[in-house]
Amino acid sequence: MTEAKARVLKKDGKQRNGRGFSKGELSETGLSLKDALRRKIPIDAKRGSNHKENVETLRSFLEVHKVASKPERKSKS
């Protein structure tokens, strides 16, 4: 499984890999904290910034790794 990597801006304007995605980035994609933890998406609770690149990364990650819904059970009658 490929990992979703968050990108963060350094003080000099360059980008680096971050610890994880912020709560705002998760909420923009429609994920709760529990859903992100279940899908093993890294979370950075200290970071408050929202980067458009990270939101797009999360959306593409979720498209590729959709969770299959459970099949419906057949009735015993």
PDB file of N, CA and C in Angstrom:
ATOM      1  N   MET A   1       0.855  -1.182   0.000  1.00  0.00           N
ATOM      2  CA  MET A   1       0.000   0.000   0.000  1.00  0.00           C
ATOM      3  C   MET A   1       0.892   1.233   0.000  1.00  0.00           C
ATOM      4  N   THR A   2       0.597   2.137  -0.877  1.00  0.00           N
ATOM      5  CA  THR A   2       1.374   3.365  -0.931  1.00  0.00           C
ATOM      6  C   THR A   2       0.903   4.306   0.167  1.00  0.00           C
ATOM      7  N   GLU A   3       1.818   5.062   0.684  1.00  0.00           N
ATOM      8  CA  GLU A   3       1.505   5.979   1.766  1.00  0.00           C
ATOM      9  C   GLU A   3       1.125   7.342   1.223  1.00  0.00           C
ATOM     10  N   ALA A   4       0.293   8.029   1.970  1.00  0.00           N
ATOM     11  CA  ALA A   4      -0.025   9.418   1.665  1.00  0.00           C
ATOM     12  C   ALA A   4       0.938  10.276   2.470  1.00  0.00           C
ATOM     13  N   LYS A   5       1.707  11.115   1.809  1.00  0.00           N
ATOM     14  CA  LYS A   5       2.697  11.960   2.473  1.00  0.00           C
ATOM     15  C   LYS A   5       2.234  13.405   2.437  1.00  0.00           C
ATOM     16  N   ALA A   6       2.225  14.039   3.589  1.00  0.00           N
ATOM     17  CA  ALA A   6       1.877  15.455   3.679  1.00  0.00           C
ATOM     18  C   ALA A   6       3.115  16.295   3.381  1.00  0.00           C
ATOM     19  N   ARG A   7       2.936  17.411   2.710  1.00  0.00           N
ATOM     20  CA  ARG A   7       4.019  18.340   2.396  1.00  0.00           C
ATOM     21  C   ARG A   7       3.826  19.593   3.240  1.00  0.00           C
ATOM     22  N   VAL A   8       4.928  20.126   3.759  1.00  0.00           N
ATOM     23  CA  VAL A   8       4.903  21.306   4.613  1.00  0.00           C
ATOM     24  C   VAL A   8       5.931  22.296   4.088  1.00  0.00           C
ATOM     25  N   LEU A   9       5.622  23.578   4.192  1.00  0.00           N
ATOM     26  CA  LEU A   9       6.556  24.618   3.766  1.00  0.00           C
ATOM     27  C   LEU A   9       7.536  24.942   4.889  1.00  0.00           C
ATOM     28  N   LYS A  10       8.807  25.022   4.518  1.00  0.00           N
ATOM     29  CA  LYS A  10       9.830  25.441   5.473  1.00  0.00           C
ATOM     30  C   LYS A  10       9.886  26.969   5.493  1.00  0.00           C
ATOM     31  N   LYS A  11      10.649  27.521   6.399  1.00  0.00           N
ATOM     32  CA  LYS A  11      10.745  28.971   6.527  1.00  0.00           C
ATOM     33  C   LYS A  11      11.363  29.625   5.305  1.00  0.00           C
ATOM     34  N   ASP A  12      12.244  28.912   4.606  1.00  0.00           N
ATOM     35  CA  ASP A  12      12.869  29.492   3.423  1.00  0.00           C
ATOM     36  C   ASP A  12      12.032  29.309   2.161  1.00  0.00           C
ATOM     37  N   GLY A  13      10.826  28.767   2.287  1.00  0.00           N
ATOM     38  CA  GLY A  13       9.926  28.630   1.156  1.00  0.00           C
ATOM     39  C   GLY A  13       9.982  27.282   0.460  1.00  0.00           C
ATOM     40  N   LYS A  14      10.937  26.444   0.846  1.00  0.00           N
ATOM     41  CA  LYS A  14      11.044  25.117   0.260  1.00  0.00           C
ATOM     42  C   LYS A  14      10.053  24.168   0.936  1.00  0.00           C
ATOM     43  N   GLN A  15       9.774  23.054   0.277  1.00  0.00           N
ATOM     44  CA  GLN A  15       8.865  22.068   0.852  1.00  0.00           C
ATOM     45  C   GLN A  15       9.644  20.887   1.401  1.00  0.00           C
ATOM     46  N   ARG A  16       9.037  20.234   2.398  1.00  0.00           N
ATOM     47  CA  ARG A  16       9.601  19.012   2.967  1.00  0.00           C
ATOM     48  C   ARG A  16       8.447  18.099   3.348  1.00  0.00           C
ATOM     49  N   ASN A  17       8.760  16.838   3.637  1.00  0.00           N
ATOM     50  CA  ASN A  17       7.731  15.921   4.096  1.00  0.00           C
ATOM     51  C   ASN A  17       7.336  16.289   5.517  1.00  0.00           C
ATOM     52  N   GLY A  18       6.043  16.323   5.773  1.00  0.00           N
ATOM     53  CA  GLY A  18       5.551  16.654   7.097  1.00  0.00           C
ATOM     54  C   GLY A  18       5.268  15.392   7.902  1.00  0.00           C
ATOM     55  N   ARG A  19       4.904  15.582   9.169  1.00  0.00           N
ATOM     56  CA  ARG A  19       4.574  14.441  10.032  1.00  0.00           C
ATOM     57  C   ARG A  19       3.256  13.812   9.613  1.00  0.00           C
ATOM     58  N   GLY A  20       2.327  14.648   9.199  1.00  0.00           N
ATOM     59  CA  GLY A  20       1.024  14.133   8.816  1.00  0.00           C
ATOM     60  C   GLY A  20       0.132  15.261   8.343  1.00  0.00           C
ATOM     61  N   PHE A  21      -1.128  14.933   8.114  1.00  0.00           N
ATOM     62  CA  PHE A  21      -2.111  15.892   7.614  1.00  0.00           C
ATOM     63  C   PHE A  21      -2.783  16.603   8.788  1.00  0.00           C
ATOM     64  N   SER A  22      -3.131  17.866   8.580  1.00  0.00           N
ATOM     65  CA  SER A  22      -3.777  18.636   9.642  1.00  0.00           C
ATOM     66  C   SER A  22      -5.263  18.290   9.712  1.00  0.00           C
ATOM     67  N   LYS A  23      -5.891  18.685  10.809  1.00  0.00           N
ATOM     68  CA  LYS A  23      -7.320  18.417  10.993  1.00  0.00           C
ATOM     69  C   LYS A  23      -8.149  19.137   9.938  1.00  0.00           C
ATOM     70  N   GLY A  24      -7.731  20.337   9.560  1.00  0.00           N
ATOM     71  CA  GLY A  24      -8.447  21.096   8.536  1.00  0.00           C
ATOM     72  C   GLY A  24      -8.390  20.416   7.177  1.00  0.00           C
ATOM     73  N   GLU A  25      -7.244  19.858   6.835  1.00  0.00           N
ATOM     74  CA  GLU A  25      -7.104  19.148   5.560  1.00  0.00           C
ATOM     75  C   GLU A  25      -7.967  17.892   5.543  1.00  0.00           C
ATOM     76  N   LEU A  26      -8.046  17.208   6.682  1.00  0.00           N
ATOM     77  CA  LEU A  26      -8.900  16.025   6.766  1.00  0.00           C
ATOM     78  C   LEU A  26     -10.372  16.399   6.622  1.00  0.00           C
ATOM     79  N   SER A  27     -10.783  17.480   7.273  1.00  0.00           N
ATOM     80  CA  SER A  27     -12.191  17.875   7.213  1.00  0.00           C
ATOM     81  C   SER A  27     -12.584  18.360   5.818  1.00  0.00           C
ATOM     82  N   GLU A  28     -11.642  18.963   5.082  1.00  0.00           N
ATOM     83  CA  GLU A  28     -11.943  19.399   3.713  1.00  0.00           C
ATOM     84  C   GLU A  28     -12.190  18.222   2.787  1.00  0.00           C
ATOM     85  N   THR A  29     -11.574  17.097   3.075  1.00  0.00           N
ATOM     86  CA  THR A  29     -11.788  15.910   2.250  1.00  0.00           C
ATOM     87  C   THR A  29     -12.953  15.072   2.749  1.00  0.00           C
ATOM     88  N   GLY A  30     -13.521  15.442   3.894  1.00  0.00           N
ATOM     89  CA  GLY A  30     -14.676  14.718   4.418  1.00  0.00           C
ATOM     90  C   GLY A  30     -14.306  13.558   5.320  1.00  0.00           C
ATOM     91  N   LEU A  31     -13.094  13.539   5.828  1.00  0.00           N
ATOM     92  CA  LEU A  31     -12.657  12.472   6.723  1.00  0.00           C
ATOM     93  C   LEU A  31     -12.698  12.943   8.166  1.00  0.00           C
ATOM     94  N   SER A  32     -13.106  12.050   9.057  1.00  0.00           N
ATOM     95  CA  SER A  32     -12.995  12.339  10.480  1.00  0.00           C
ATOM     96  C   SER A  32     -11.659  11.796  10.967  1.00  0.00           C
ATOM     97  N   LEU A  33     -11.295  12.145  12.179  1.00  0.00           N
ATOM     98  CA  LEU A  33     -10.031  11.663  12.730  1.00  0.00           C
ATOM     99  C   LEU A  33     -10.035  10.138  12.856  1.00  0.00           C
ATOM    100  N   LYS A  34     -11.170   9.572  13.264  1.00  0.00           N
ATOM    101  CA  LYS A  34     -11.271   8.118  13.402  1.00  0.00           C
ATOM    102  C   LYS A  34     -11.111   7.422  12.057  1.00  0.00           C
ATOM    103  N   ASP A  35     -11.742   7.966  11.022  1.00  0.00           N
ATOM    104  CA  ASP A  35     -11.616   7.375   9.686  1.00  0.00           C
ATOM    105  C   ASP A  35     -10.171   7.411   9.209  1.00  0.00           C
ATOM    106  N   ALA A  36      -9.502   8.517   9.461  1.00  0.00           N
ATOM    107  CA  ALA A  36      -8.106   8.641   9.040  1.00  0.00           C
ATOM    108  C   ALA A  36      -7.222   7.642   9.778  1.00  0.00           C
ATOM    109  N   LEU A  37      -7.458   7.460  11.054  1.00  0.00           N
ATOM    110  CA  LEU A  37      -6.670   6.502  11.814  1.00  0.00           C
ATOM    111  C   LEU A  37      -6.946   5.074  11.361  1.00  0.00           C
ATOM    112  N   ARG A  38      -8.200   4.770  11.032  1.00  0.00           N
ATOM    113  CA  ARG A  38      -8.532   3.435  10.526  1.00  0.00           C
ATOM    114  C   ARG A  38      -7.832   3.146   9.212  1.00  0.00           C
ATOM    115  N   ARG A  39      -7.708   4.165   8.378  1.00  0.00           N
ATOM    116  CA  ARG A  39      -7.065   3.997   7.071  1.00  0.00           C
ATOM    117  C   ARG A  39      -5.557   4.198   7.134  1.00  0.00           C
ATOM    118  N   LYS A  40      -5.040   4.375   8.340  1.00  0.00           N
ATOM    119  CA  LYS A  40      -3.609   4.539   8.597  1.00  0.00           C
ATOM    120  C   LYS A  40      -3.022   5.746   7.866  1.00  0.00           C
ATOM    121  N   ILE A  41      -3.797   6.846   7.877  1.00  0.00           N
ATOM    122  CA  ILE A  41      -3.337   8.114   7.321  1.00  0.00           C
ATOM    123  C   ILE A  41      -2.695   8.899   8.463  1.00  0.00           C
ATOM    124  N   PRO A  42      -1.465   9.362   8.301  1.00  0.00           N
ATOM    125  CA  PRO A  42      -0.799  10.082   9.394  1.00  0.00           C
ATOM    126  C   PRO A  42      -1.465  11.431   9.679  1.00  0.00           C
ATOM    127  N   ILE A  43      -1.529  11.777  10.962  1.00  0.00           N
ATOM    128  CA  ILE A  43      -2.166  13.021  11.408  1.00  0.00           C
ATOM    129  C   ILE A  43      -1.161  13.826  12.218  1.00  0.00           C
ATOM    130  N   ASP A  44      -1.103  15.129  11.951  1.00  0.00           N
ATOM    131  CA  ASP A  44      -0.270  16.040  12.732  1.00  0.00           C
ATOM    132  C   ASP A  44      -1.211  16.967  13.487  1.00  0.00           C
ATOM    133  N   ALA A  45      -1.420  16.676  14.760  1.00  0.00           N
ATOM    134  CA  ALA A  45      -2.382  17.427  15.563  1.00  0.00           C
ATOM    135  C   ALA A  45      -1.897  18.839  15.866  1.00  0.00           C
ATOM    136  N   LYS A  46      -0.588  19.078  15.839  1.00  0.00           N
ATOM    137  CA  LYS A  46      -0.045  20.393  16.177  1.00  0.00           C
ATOM    138  C   LYS A  46      -0.188  21.385  15.032  1.00  0.00           C
ATOM    139  N   ARG A  47      -0.204  20.887  13.797  1.00  0.00           N
ATOM    140  CA  ARG A  47      -0.212  21.779  12.647  1.00  0.00           C
ATOM    141  C   ARG A  47      -1.628  22.268  12.366  1.00  0.00           C
ATOM    142  N   GLY A  48      -1.776  23.553  12.121  1.00  0.00           N
ATOM    143  CA  GLY A  48      -3.086  24.132  11.868  1.00  0.00           C
ATOM    144  C   GLY A  48      -3.261  24.647  10.457  1.00  0.00           C
ATOM    145  N   SER A  49      -2.227  24.537   9.645  1.00  0.00           N
ATOM    146  CA  SER A  49      -2.304  25.095   8.294  1.00  0.00           C
ATOM    147  C   SER A  49      -2.988  24.128   7.337  1.00  0.00           C
ATOM    148  N   ASN A  50      -3.593  24.695   6.290  1.00  0.00           N
ATOM    149  CA  ASN A  50      -4.216  23.902   5.236  1.00  0.00           C
ATOM    150  C   ASN A  50      -3.488  24.197   3.937  1.00  0.00           C
ATOM    151  N   HIS A  51      -2.973  23.164   3.298  1.00  0.00           N
ATOM    152  CA  HIS A  51      -2.307  23.323   2.014  1.00  0.00           C
ATOM    153  C   HIS A  51      -3.126  22.605   0.951  1.00  0.00           C
ATOM    154  N   LYS A  52      -3.366  23.292  -0.169  1.00  0.00           N
ATOM    155  CA  LYS A  52      -4.178  22.716  -1.242  1.00  0.00           C
ATOM    156  C   LYS A  52      -3.551  21.443  -1.797  1.00  0.00           C
ATOM    157  N   GLU A  53      -2.215  21.397  -1.842  1.00  0.00           N
ATOM    158  CA  GLU A  53      -1.546  20.199  -2.363  1.00  0.00           C
ATOM    159  C   GLU A  53      -1.855  18.986  -1.497  1.00  0.00           C
ATOM    160  N   ASN A  54      -1.913  19.189  -0.182  1.00  0.00           N
ATOM    161  CA  ASN A  54      -2.198  18.078   0.725  1.00  0.00           C
ATOM    162  C   ASN A  54      -3.635  17.602   0.589  1.00  0.00           C
ATOM    163  N   VAL A  55      -4.565  18.528   0.376  1.00  0.00           N
ATOM    164  CA  VAL A  55      -5.959  18.144   0.195  1.00  0.00           C
ATOM    165  C   VAL A  55      -6.104  17.321  -1.087  1.00  0.00           C
ATOM    166  N   GLU A  56      -5.424  17.756  -2.152  1.00  0.00           N
ATOM    167  CA  GLU A  56      -5.476  17.007  -3.407  1.00  0.00           C
ATOM    168  C   GLU A  56      -4.813  15.634  -3.254  1.00  0.00           C
ATOM    169  N   THR A  57      -3.731  15.558  -2.490  1.00  0.00           N
ATOM    170  CA  THR A  57      -3.069  14.281  -2.237  1.00  0.00           C
ATOM    171  C   THR A  57      -4.007  13.331  -1.506  1.00  0.00           C
ATOM    172  N   LEU A  58      -4.710  13.850  -0.502  1.00  0.00           N
ATOM    173  CA  LEU A  58      -5.657  13.017   0.243  1.00  0.00           C
ATOM    174  C   LEU A  58      -6.793  12.537  -0.648  1.00  0.00           C
ATOM    175  N   ARG A  59      -7.330  13.425  -1.472  1.00  0.00           N
ATOM    176  CA  ARG A  59      -8.436  13.027  -2.353  1.00  0.00           C
ATOM    177  C   ARG A  59      -8.008  11.939  -3.327  1.00  0.00           C
ATOM    178  N   SER A  60      -6.828  12.083  -3.918  1.00  0.00           N
ATOM    179  CA  SER A  60      -6.356  11.056  -4.852  1.00  0.00           C
ATOM    180  C   SER A  60      -6.062   9.746  -4.116  1.00  0.00           C
ATOM    181  N   PHE A  61      -5.548   9.833  -2.888  1.00  0.00           N
ATOM    182  CA  PHE A  61      -5.294   8.640  -2.090  1.00  0.00           C
ATOM    183  C   PHE A  61      -6.593   7.908  -1.782  1.00  0.00           C
ATOM    184  N   LEU A  62      -7.642   8.659  -1.448  1.00  0.00           N
ATOM    185  CA  LEU A  62      -8.928   8.042  -1.122  1.00  0.00           C
ATOM    186  C   LEU A  62      -9.584   7.431  -2.351  1.00  0.00           C
ATOM    187  N   GLU A  63      -9.395   8.032  -3.523  1.00  0.00           N
ATOM    188  CA  GLU A  63      -9.943   7.464  -4.754  1.00  0.00           C
ATOM    189  C   GLU A  63      -9.317   6.108  -5.046  1.00  0.00           C
ATOM    190  N   VAL A  64      -8.018   6.006  -4.847  1.00  0.00           N
ATOM    191  CA  VAL A  64      -7.315   4.758  -5.143  1.00  0.00           C
ATOM    192  C   VAL A  64      -7.629   3.694  -4.101  1.00  0.00           C
ATOM    193  N   HIS A  65      -7.738   4.093  -2.838  1.00  0.00           N
ATOM    194  CA  HIS A  65      -7.919   3.150  -1.741  1.00  0.00           C
ATOM    195  C   HIS A  65      -9.320   3.247  -1.146  1.00  0.00           C
ATOM    196  N   LYS A  66     -10.322   3.058  -1.963  1.00  0.00           N
ATOM    197  CA  LYS A  66     -11.687   3.082  -1.452  1.00  0.00           C
ATOM    198  C   LYS A  66     -11.933   1.846  -0.601  1.00  0.00           C
ATOM    199  N   VAL A  67     -12.660   2.029   0.494  1.00  0.00           N
ATOM    200  CA  VAL A  67     -12.984   0.914   1.369  1.00  0.00           C
ATOM    201  C   VAL A  67     -14.214   0.222   0.804  1.00  0.00           C
ATOM    202  N   ALA A  68     -14.077  -1.049   0.550  1.00  0.00           N
ATOM    203  CA  ALA A  68     -15.196  -1.811   0.017  1.00  0.00           C
ATOM    204  C   ALA A  68     -16.249  -1.985   1.106  1.00  0.00           C
ATOM    205  N   SER A  69     -17.505  -1.775   0.731  1.00  0.00           N
ATOM    206  CA  SER A  69     -18.577  -1.938   1.701  1.00  0.00           C
ATOM    207  C   SER A  69     -18.811  -3.432   1.923  1.00  0.00           C
ATOM    208  N   LYS A  70     -19.344  -3.760   3.084  1.00  0.00           N
ATOM    209  CA  LYS A  70     -19.600  -5.160   3.411  1.00  0.00           C
ATOM    210  C   LYS A  70     -20.736  -5.685   2.530  1.00  0.00           C
ATOM    211  N   PRO A  71     -20.647  -6.924   2.067  1.00  0.00           N
ATOM    212  CA  PRO A  71     -21.734  -7.469   1.249  1.00  0.00           C
ATOM    213  C   PRO A  71     -22.969  -7.688   2.100  1.00  0.00           C
ATOM    214  N   GLU A  72     -24.123  -7.546   1.478  1.00  0.00           N
ATOM    215  CA  GLU A  72     -25.367  -7.727   2.205  1.00  0.00           C
ATOM    216  C   GLU A  72     -25.556  -9.203   2.537  1.00  0.00           C
ATOM    217  N   ARG A  73     -26.087  -9.461   3.722  1.00  0.00           N
ATOM    218  CA  ARG A  73     -26.310 -10.829   4.142  1.00  0.00           C
ATOM    219  C   ARG A  73     -27.607 -11.354   3.562  1.00  0.00           C
ATOM    220  N   LYS A  74     -27.584 -12.592   3.183  1.00  0.00           N
ATOM    221  CA  LYS A  74     -28.798 -13.229   2.666  1.00  0.00           C
ATOM    222  C   LYS A  74     -29.660 -13.666   3.841  1.00  0.00           C
ATOM    223  N   SER A  75     -30.974 -13.531   3.666  1.00  0.00           N
ATOM    224  CA  SER A  75     -31.877 -13.959   4.728  1.00  0.00           C
ATOM    225  C   SER A  75     -31.962 -15.479   4.761  1.00  0.00           C
ATOM    226  N   LYS A  76     -32.223 -16.020   5.929  1.00  0.00           N
ATOM    227  CA  LYS A  76     -32.260 -17.467   6.101  1.00  0.00           C
ATOM    228  C   LYS A  76     -33.627 -18.059   5.780  1.00  0.00           C
ATOM    229  N   SER A  77     -34.598 -17.266   5.428  1.00  0.00           N
ATOM    230  CA  SER A  77     -35.948 -17.798   5.202  1.00  0.00           C
ATOM    231  C   SER A  77     -36.116 -18.428   3.866  1.00  0.00           C
TER     232      SER A  77
END
